[in-house]
């Protein structure tokens, strides 16, 4: 499933853009917000395939270019180095800066033509290839964003409002984070949720016992449980009929 983030302060424009995305692909998951903090959280929690960004998010502040600052920040995150960004704005001055410095895919000026926007969205989403992106997982810990290579994580479990990332070398704790917050991000990297509190890396699965409901993992002595309501999800992810 492709994911699109719309950062736009005008509600009617945001809703119109969301409708256009649905016209291009009904299965696309769409996130809309007018707040930078929420946009950052969404971008870190999920893997976004296309950003539709308004440059001016605070119309009461002269010279506001919050949208540019947002994109400048996410470009520092490895998984978003090449993710398509489309600026939808009435400003013309930042155009050159946006293209050259932030690798902006397109610059659409308001009021925009629907046909042009649809075509731009279609090109961006059809050109997404997650398999070729670097598969780092991003988490917030002690107000710092940390990146962990998904290939090193065997499984993730949640205990007492803390995520425990189990690798072959060490266990990493991420406090005040839930599985729900990271599920989309890790599933995009080849993980599957097997119980209410556990998500496993498919690449580390050694064997699966659906009768006794457990998964054996490579390099681990312990197995993980398959929750009764997660059997179908596990079978689907592993292609078990």
C-alpha atoms as a PDB file:
ATOM      1  CA  UNK A   1       0.000   0.000   0.000  1.00  0.00           C
ATOM      2  CA  UNK A   2       1.337   3.434  -0.981  1.00  0.00           C
ATOM      3  CA  UNK A   3       1.219   6.265   1.580  1.00  0.00           C
ATOM      4  CA  UNK A   4       0.828   9.990   0.912  1.00  0.00           C
ATOM      5  CA  UNK A   5       1.288  12.810   3.419  1.00  0.00           C
ATOM      6  CA  UNK A   6      -0.502  16.110   2.753  1.00  0.00           C
ATOM      7  CA  UNK A   7       0.779  19.061   4.789  1.00  0.00           C
ATOM      8  CA  UNK A   8      -1.613  21.920   4.051  1.00  0.00           C
ATOM      9  CA  UNK A   9      -3.153  24.612   6.274  1.00  0.00           C
ATOM     10  CA  UNK A  10      -6.247  25.165   4.110  1.00  0.00           C
ATOM     11  CA  UNK A  11      -8.801  22.458   4.863  1.00  0.00           C
ATOM     12  CA  UNK A  12     -10.650  22.661   1.535  1.00  0.00           C
ATOM     13  CA  UNK A  13      -7.377  22.430  -0.401  1.00  0.00           C
ATOM     14  CA  UNK A  14      -6.255  19.504   1.736  1.00  0.00           C
ATOM     15  CA  UNK A  15      -9.527  17.664   1.117  1.00  0.00           C
ATOM     16  CA  UNK A  16      -9.336  18.376  -2.612  1.00  0.00           C
ATOM     17  CA  UNK A  17      -5.784  16.990  -2.816  1.00  0.00           C
ATOM     18  CA  UNK A  18      -6.843  13.897  -0.869  1.00  0.00           C
ATOM     19  CA  UNK A  19      -9.688  13.309  -3.346  1.00  0.00           C
ATOM     20  CA  UNK A  20      -7.244  13.610  -6.240  1.00  0.00           C
ATOM     21  CA  UNK A  21      -4.931  11.043  -4.661  1.00  0.00           C
ATOM     22  CA  UNK A  22      -7.891   8.659  -4.306  1.00  0.00           C
ATOM     23  CA  UNK A  23      -8.761   9.199  -7.962  1.00  0.00           C
ATOM     24  CA  UNK A  24      -5.291   8.031  -8.897  1.00  0.00           C
ATOM     25  CA  UNK A  25      -5.185   5.125  -6.435  1.00  0.00           C
ATOM     26  CA  UNK A  26      -8.087   4.140  -4.178  1.00  0.00           C
ATOM     27  CA  UNK A  27      -5.851   1.852  -2.118  1.00  0.00           C
ATOM     28  CA  UNK A  28      -3.472   4.640  -1.115  1.00  0.00           C
ATOM     29  CA  UNK A  29      -3.323   5.542   2.586  1.00  0.00           C
ATOM     30  CA  UNK A  30      -3.576   9.305   3.020  1.00  0.00           C
ATOM     31  CA  UNK A  31      -2.417  11.337   6.023  1.00  0.00           C
ATOM     32  CA  UNK A  32      -3.472  14.994   6.252  1.00  0.00           C
ATOM     33  CA  UNK A  33      -2.369  17.624   8.756  1.00  0.00           C
ATOM     34  CA  UNK A  34      -1.706  21.341   9.048  1.00  0.00           C
ATOM     35  CA  UNK A  35       0.793  21.011  11.882  1.00  0.00           C
ATOM     36  CA  UNK A  36       4.548  20.484  11.505  1.00  0.00           C
ATOM     37  CA  UNK A  37       4.851  18.404  14.673  1.00  0.00           C
ATOM     38  CA  UNK A  38       2.185  15.972  13.500  1.00  0.00           C
ATOM     39  CA  UNK A  39       3.750  15.760  10.036  1.00  0.00           C
ATOM     40  CA  UNK A  40       7.150  14.891  11.537  1.00  0.00           C
ATOM     41  CA  UNK A  41       5.572  12.194  13.705  1.00  0.00           C
ATOM     42  CA  UNK A  42       3.753  10.663  10.728  1.00  0.00           C
ATOM     43  CA  UNK A  43       6.903  10.708   8.590  1.00  0.00           C
ATOM     44  CA  UNK A  44       8.909   8.970  11.308  1.00  0.00           C
ATOM     45  CA  UNK A  45       6.225   6.429  12.214  1.00  0.00           C
ATOM     46  CA  UNK A  46       5.291   5.468   8.654  1.00  0.00           C
ATOM     47  CA  UNK A  47       7.114   5.197   5.346  1.00  0.00           C
ATOM     48  CA  UNK A  48       5.690   7.910   3.094  1.00  0.00           C
ATOM     49  CA  UNK A  49       5.847   7.470  -0.692  1.00  0.00           C
ATOM     50  CA  UNK A  50       4.821  11.000  -1.688  1.00  0.00           C
ATOM     51  CA  UNK A  51       4.715  14.354   0.118  1.00  0.00           C
ATOM     52  CA  UNK A  52       2.267  17.083  -0.987  1.00  0.00           C
ATOM     53  CA  UNK A  53       3.450  20.198   0.837  1.00  0.00           C
ATOM     54  CA  UNK A  54       2.194  23.750   1.151  1.00  0.00           C
ATOM     55  CA  UNK A  55       5.047  26.177   1.737  1.00  0.00           C
ATOM     56  CA  UNK A  56       3.075  28.706   3.823  1.00  0.00           C
ATOM     57  CA  UNK A  57       1.533  27.018   6.864  1.00  0.00           C
ATOM     58  CA  UNK A  58       1.238  30.087   9.098  1.00  0.00           C
ATOM     59  CA  UNK A  59      -0.441  32.835   7.077  1.00  0.00           C
ATOM     60  CA  UNK A  60      -0.292  35.217  10.054  1.00  0.00           C
ATOM     61  CA  UNK A  61       3.490  35.170  10.093  1.00  0.00           C
ATOM     62  CA  UNK A  62       5.121  37.353   7.389  1.00  0.00           C
ATOM     63  CA  UNK A  63       7.585  35.461   5.205  1.00  0.00           C
ATOM     64  CA  UNK A  64       6.572  32.054   6.563  1.00  0.00           C
ATOM     65  CA  UNK A  65       8.138  29.115   4.712  1.00  0.00           C
ATOM     66  CA  UNK A  66       7.383  26.305   7.175  1.00  0.00           C
ATOM     67  CA  UNK A  67       6.816  23.815   4.360  1.00  0.00           C
ATOM     68  CA  UNK A  68      10.340  24.323   3.053  1.00  0.00           C
ATOM     69  CA  UNK A  69      11.765  23.819   6.530  1.00  0.00           C
ATOM     70  CA  UNK A  70       9.796  20.580   6.901  1.00  0.00           C
ATOM     71  CA  UNK A  71      11.151  19.164   3.639  1.00  0.00           C
ATOM     72  CA  UNK A  72      14.664  20.357   4.430  1.00  0.00           C
ATOM     73  CA  UNK A  73      14.441  18.380   7.686  1.00  0.00           C
ATOM     74  CA  UNK A  74      13.048  15.123   6.265  1.00  0.00           C
ATOM     75  CA  UNK A  75      15.671  15.132   3.503  1.00  0.00           C
ATOM     76  CA  UNK A  76      18.218  14.499   6.259  1.00  0.00           C
ATOM     77  CA  UNK A  77      16.442  11.202   7.021  1.00  0.00           C
ATOM     78  CA  UNK A  78      17.991   8.444   4.942  1.00  0.00           C
ATOM     79  CA  UNK A  79      14.760   6.812   3.791  1.00  0.00           C
ATOM     80  CA  UNK A  80      13.498  10.160   2.430  1.00  0.00           C
ATOM     81  CA  UNK A  81      16.570  11.216   0.468  1.00  0.00           C
ATOM     82  CA  UNK A  82      14.798  10.537  -2.836  1.00  0.00           C
ATOM     83  CA  UNK A  83      11.105  10.402  -1.906  1.00  0.00           C
ATOM     84  CA  UNK A  84       9.032  12.610  -4.277  1.00  0.00           C
ATOM     85  CA  UNK A  85       8.005  15.995  -2.871  1.00  0.00           C
ATOM     86  CA  UNK A  86       5.445  18.188  -4.612  1.00  0.00           C
ATOM     87  CA  UNK A  87       5.008  21.765  -3.423  1.00  0.00           C
ATOM     88  CA  UNK A  88       1.479  23.113  -3.832  1.00  0.00           C
ATOM     89  CA  UNK A  89       1.581  26.845  -3.134  1.00  0.00           C
ATOM     90  CA  UNK A  90       0.895  30.357  -4.344  1.00  0.00           C
ATOM     91  CA  UNK A  91       4.545  31.371  -3.894  1.00  0.00           C
ATOM     92  CA  UNK A  92       6.866  31.602  -6.856  1.00  0.00           C
ATOM     93  CA  UNK A  93      10.052  32.947  -5.266  1.00  0.00           C
ATOM     94  CA  UNK A  94      11.192  29.718  -3.531  1.00  0.00           C
ATOM     95  CA  UNK A  95      10.903  27.701  -6.748  1.00  0.00           C
ATOM     96  CA  UNK A  96      14.586  27.638  -7.682  1.00  0.00           C
ATOM     97  CA  UNK A  97      15.655  26.871  -4.120  1.00  0.00           C
ATOM     98  CA  UNK A  98      13.074  24.082  -3.871  1.00  0.00           C
ATOM     99  CA  UNK A  99      14.195  22.336  -7.046  1.00  0.00           C
ATOM    100  CA  UNK A 100      17.926  22.590  -6.531  1.00  0.00           C
ATOM    101  CA  UNK A 101      18.355  22.230  -2.763  1.00  0.00           C
ATOM    102  CA  UNK A 102      15.445  20.036  -1.741  1.00  0.00           C
ATOM    103  CA  UNK A 103      15.102  17.896  -4.892  1.00  0.00           C
ATOM    104  CA  UNK A 104      11.482  18.946  -5.364  1.00  0.00           C
ATOM    105  CA  UNK A 105       9.735  16.730  -7.950  1.00  0.00           C
ATOM    106  CA  UNK A 106       7.225  19.372  -9.031  1.00  0.00           C
ATOM    107  CA  UNK A 107       6.061  22.863  -8.141  1.00  0.00           C
ATOM    108  CA  UNK A 108       2.314  23.427  -8.623  1.00  0.00           C
ATOM    109  CA  UNK A 109       0.994  26.951  -8.195  1.00  0.00           C
ATOM    110  CA  UNK A 110      -2.435  27.793  -6.778  1.00  0.00           C
ATOM    111  CA  UNK A 111      -5.028  27.881  -8.167  1.00  0.00           C
ATOM    112  CA  UNK A 112      -3.958  24.624  -9.794  1.00  0.00           C
ATOM    113  CA  UNK A 113      -5.269  22.616 -12.696  1.00  0.00           C
ATOM    114  CA  UNK A 114      -6.744  19.298 -11.594  1.00  0.00           C
ATOM    115  CA  UNK A 115      -5.451  17.423 -14.647  1.00  0.00           C
ATOM    116  CA  UNK A 116      -1.889  18.512 -13.960  1.00  0.00           C
ATOM    117  CA  UNK A 117      -2.091  17.554 -10.289  1.00  0.00           C
ATOM    118  CA  UNK A 118      -3.548  14.137 -11.127  1.00  0.00           C
ATOM    119  CA  UNK A 119      -0.804  13.457 -13.639  1.00  0.00           C
ATOM    120  CA  UNK A 120       1.902  14.519 -11.191  1.00  0.00           C
ATOM    121  CA  UNK A 121       0.499  12.279  -8.440  1.00  0.00           C
ATOM    122  CA  UNK A 122       0.219   9.382 -10.881  1.00  0.00           C
ATOM    123  CA  UNK A 123       3.842   9.728 -11.989  1.00  0.00           C
ATOM    124  CA  UNK A 124       5.130   9.987  -8.415  1.00  0.00           C
ATOM    125  CA  UNK A 125       3.235   6.964  -7.108  1.00  0.00           C
ATOM    126  CA  UNK A 126       3.990   4.786 -10.115  1.00  0.00           C
ATOM    127  CA  UNK A 127       7.690   5.592  -9.743  1.00  0.00           C
ATOM    128  CA  UNK A 128       7.888   4.528  -6.079  1.00  0.00           C
ATOM    129  CA  UNK A 129       9.980   1.450  -5.450  1.00  0.00           C
ATOM    130  CA  UNK A 130      10.254   0.658  -1.775  1.00  0.00           C
ATOM    131  CA  UNK A 131      12.333  -2.416  -2.350  1.00  0.00           C
ATOM    132  CA  UNK A 132      15.227  -0.274  -3.512  1.00  0.00           C
ATOM    133  CA  UNK A 133      15.094   2.107  -0.559  1.00  0.00           C
ATOM    134  CA  UNK A 134      17.420   1.746   2.395  1.00  0.00           C
ATOM    135  CA  UNK A 135      15.528  -0.145   5.076  1.00  0.00           C
ATOM    136  CA  UNK A 136      16.313   1.728   8.244  1.00  0.00           C
ATOM    137  CA  UNK A 137      13.828   1.923  11.102  1.00  0.00           C
ATOM    138  CA  UNK A 138      13.513   5.313  12.780  1.00  0.00           C
ATOM    139  CA  UNK A 139      12.616   5.864  16.428  1.00  0.00           C
ATOM    140  CA  UNK A 140      12.545   8.736  18.893  1.00  0.00           C
ATOM    141  CA  UNK A 141      14.601   8.143  22.043  1.00  0.00           C
ATOM    142  CA  UNK A 142      15.541  10.837  24.542  1.00  0.00           C
ATOM    143  CA  UNK A 143      14.364  13.454  22.004  1.00  0.00           C
ATOM    144  CA  UNK A 144      16.833  12.129  19.449  1.00  0.00           C
ATOM    145  CA  UNK A 145      15.927  10.334  16.215  1.00  0.00           C
ATOM    146  CA  UNK A 146      17.863   7.087  15.952  1.00  0.00           C
ATOM    147  CA  UNK A 147      18.145   4.833  12.901  1.00  0.00           C
ATOM    148  CA  UNK A 148      18.381   1.051  13.170  1.00  0.00           C
ATOM    149  CA  UNK A 149      19.004  -1.227  10.201  1.00  0.00           C
ATOM    150  CA  UNK A 150      15.895  -3.405   9.867  1.00  0.00           C
ATOM    151  CA  UNK A 151      18.037  -6.320   8.649  1.00  0.00           C
ATOM    152  CA  UNK A 152      19.568  -6.537  12.140  1.00  0.00           C
ATOM    153  CA  UNK A 153      16.274  -6.738  14.038  1.00  0.00           C
ATOM    154  CA  UNK A 154      14.983 -10.259  14.710  1.00  0.00           C
ATOM    155  CA  UNK A 155      11.754  -9.301  16.436  1.00  0.00           C
ATOM    156  CA  UNK A 156      10.146  -6.459  18.360  1.00  0.00           C
ATOM    157  CA  UNK A 157       8.006  -6.813  21.448  1.00  0.00           C
ATOM    158  CA  UNK A 158       6.124  -4.383  23.626  1.00  0.00           C
ATOM    159  CA  UNK A 159       6.365  -4.515  27.414  1.00  0.00           C
ATOM    160  CA  UNK A 160       5.175  -1.905  29.898  1.00  0.00           C
ATOM    161  CA  UNK A 161       4.927   0.922  27.344  1.00  0.00           C
ATOM    162  CA  UNK A 162       8.434   0.174  26.057  1.00  0.00           C
ATOM    163  CA  UNK A 163       9.490  -1.364  22.756  1.00  0.00           C
ATOM    164  CA  UNK A 164      12.226  -3.983  22.936  1.00  0.00           C
ATOM    165  CA  UNK A 165      14.123  -4.441  19.662  1.00  0.00           C
ATOM    166  CA  UNK A 166      15.867  -7.804  19.743  1.00  0.00           C
ATOM    167  CA  UNK A 167      18.872  -8.162  17.442  1.00  0.00           C
ATOM    168  CA  UNK A 168      21.438 -10.944  17.304  1.00  0.00           C
ATOM    169  CA  UNK A 169      23.913  -8.708  19.116  1.00  0.00           C
ATOM    170  CA  UNK A 170      21.873  -6.689  21.600  1.00  0.00           C
ATOM    171  CA  UNK A 171      18.472  -5.612  22.856  1.00  0.00           C
ATOM    172  CA  UNK A 172      17.494  -1.977  22.312  1.00  0.00           C
ATOM    173  CA  UNK A 173      14.813  -0.295  24.417  1.00  0.00           C
ATOM    174  CA  UNK A 174      12.616   2.498  23.049  1.00  0.00           C
ATOM    175  CA  UNK A 175      10.485   3.895  25.911  1.00  0.00           C
ATOM    176  CA  UNK A 176       7.018   5.419  25.568  1.00  0.00           C
ATOM    177  CA  UNK A 177       6.421   3.858  22.157  1.00  0.00           C
ATOM    178  CA  UNK A 178       3.768   1.318  21.149  1.00  0.00           C
ATOM    179  CA  UNK A 179       3.623  -1.344  18.446  1.00  0.00           C
ATOM    180  CA  UNK A 180       0.689   0.498  16.910  1.00  0.00           C
ATOM    181  CA  UNK A 181       2.889   3.544  16.281  1.00  0.00           C
ATOM    182  CA  UNK A 182       5.577   1.586  14.430  1.00  0.00           C
ATOM    183  CA  UNK A 183       3.545  -1.169  12.761  1.00  0.00           C
ATOM    184  CA  UNK A 184       3.277   0.466   9.318  1.00  0.00           C
ATOM    185  CA  UNK A 185       6.961   1.381   9.311  1.00  0.00           C
ATOM    186  CA  UNK A 186       8.216  -2.100  10.182  1.00  0.00           C
ATOM    187  CA  UNK A 187       5.738  -3.954   7.964  1.00  0.00           C
ATOM    188  CA  UNK A 188       7.070  -1.961   5.022  1.00  0.00           C
ATOM    189  CA  UNK A 189      10.474  -3.416   5.917  1.00  0.00           C
ATOM    190  CA  UNK A 190       9.344  -7.050   5.866  1.00  0.00           C
ATOM    191  CA  UNK A 191       7.937  -7.638   9.350  1.00  0.00           C
ATOM    192  CA  UNK A 192       4.652  -9.257  10.365  1.00  0.00           C
ATOM    193  CA  UNK A 193       2.708  -8.938  13.598  1.00  0.00           C
ATOM    194  CA  UNK A 194       2.185 -12.375  15.158  1.00  0.00           C
ATOM    195  CA  UNK A 195       0.588 -11.411  18.465  1.00  0.00           C
ATOM    196  CA  UNK A 196      -0.735  -8.403  20.303  1.00  0.00           C
ATOM    197  CA  UNK A 197       2.714  -7.603  21.681  1.00  0.00           C
ATOM    198  CA  UNK A 198       5.130  -8.995  19.076  1.00  0.00           C
ATOM    199  CA  UNK A 199       6.233  -8.276  15.496  1.00  0.00           C
ATOM    200  CA  UNK A 200       8.803 -10.528  13.801  1.00  0.00           C
ATOM    201  CA  UNK A 201      11.219 -10.047  10.921  1.00  0.00           C
ATOM    202  CA  UNK A 202      10.125 -12.488   8.208  1.00  0.00           C
ATOM    203  CA  UNK A 203      13.747 -12.942   7.116  1.00  0.00           C
ATOM    204  CA  UNK A 204      14.544 -14.525  10.504  1.00  0.00           C
ATOM    205  CA  UNK A 205      11.657 -16.987  10.565  1.00  0.00           C
ATOM    206  CA  UNK A 206      12.994 -20.551  10.713  1.00  0.00           C
ATOM    207  CA  UNK A 207       9.779 -22.523  11.079  1.00  0.00           C
ATOM    208  CA  UNK A 208       6.098 -21.961  11.814  1.00  0.00           C
ATOM    209  CA  UNK A 209       3.810 -24.255  13.820  1.00  0.00           C
ATOM    210  CA  UNK A 210       0.248 -23.061  13.302  1.00  0.00           C
ATOM    211  CA  UNK A 211      -1.212 -25.906  15.348  1.00  0.00           C
ATOM    212  CA  UNK A 212       0.751 -25.106  18.492  1.00  0.00           C
ATOM    213  CA  UNK A 213       0.922 -21.451  17.510  1.00  0.00           C
ATOM    214  CA  UNK A 214       4.592 -20.579  17.659  1.00  0.00           C
ATOM    215  CA  UNK A 215       7.343 -19.263  15.351  1.00  0.00           C
ATOM    216  CA  UNK A 216      10.933 -20.437  15.530  1.00  0.00           C
ATOM    217  CA  UNK A 217      13.560 -17.803  14.771  1.00  0.00           C
ATOM    218  CA  UNK A 218      17.038 -18.145  13.314  1.00  0.00           C
ATOM    219  CA  UNK A 219      19.782 -17.479  15.827  1.00  0.00           C
ATOM    220  CA  UNK A 220      17.364 -17.470  18.787  1.00  0.00           C
ATOM    221  CA  UNK A 221      16.793 -20.186  21.354  1.00  0.00           C
ATOM    222  CA  UNK A 222      13.327 -18.937  22.255  1.00  0.00           C
ATOM    223  CA  UNK A 223      10.303 -19.012  19.968  1.00  0.00           C
ATOM    224  CA  UNK A 224       7.551 -16.401  19.778  1.00  0.00           C
ATOM    225  CA  UNK A 225       3.844 -17.041  20.166  1.00  0.00           C
ATOM    226  CA  UNK A 226       1.259 -16.637  17.426  1.00  0.00           C
ATOM    227  CA  UNK A 227      -1.869 -15.014  18.836  1.00  0.00           C
ATOM    228  CA  UNK A 228      -5.144 -16.663  17.886  1.00  0.00           C
ATOM    229  CA  UNK A 229      -6.402 -13.603  16.031  1.00  0.00           C
ATOM    230  CA  UNK A 230      -3.097 -13.198  14.155  1.00  0.00           C
ATOM    231  CA  UNK A 231      -2.897 -16.619  12.478  1.00  0.00           C
ATOM    232  CA  UNK A 232      -4.492 -15.340   9.280  1.00  0.00           C
ATOM    233  CA  UNK A 233      -2.120 -12.341   9.149  1.00  0.00           C
ATOM    234  CA  UNK A 234       0.909 -14.614   9.561  1.00  0.00           C
ATOM    235  CA  UNK A 235      -0.323 -17.070   6.911  1.00  0.00           C
ATOM    236  CA  UNK A 236      -0.965 -14.240   4.458  1.00  0.00           C
ATOM    237  CA  UNK A 237       2.468 -12.656   5.007  1.00  0.00           C
ATOM    238  CA  UNK A 238       4.237 -15.995   4.544  1.00  0.00           C
ATOM    239  CA  UNK A 239       2.099 -17.206   1.649  1.00  0.00           C
ATOM    240  CA  UNK A 240       0.780 -20.210   3.577  1.00  0.00           C
ATOM    241  CA  UNK A 241      -2.448 -21.608   2.160  1.00  0.00           C
END
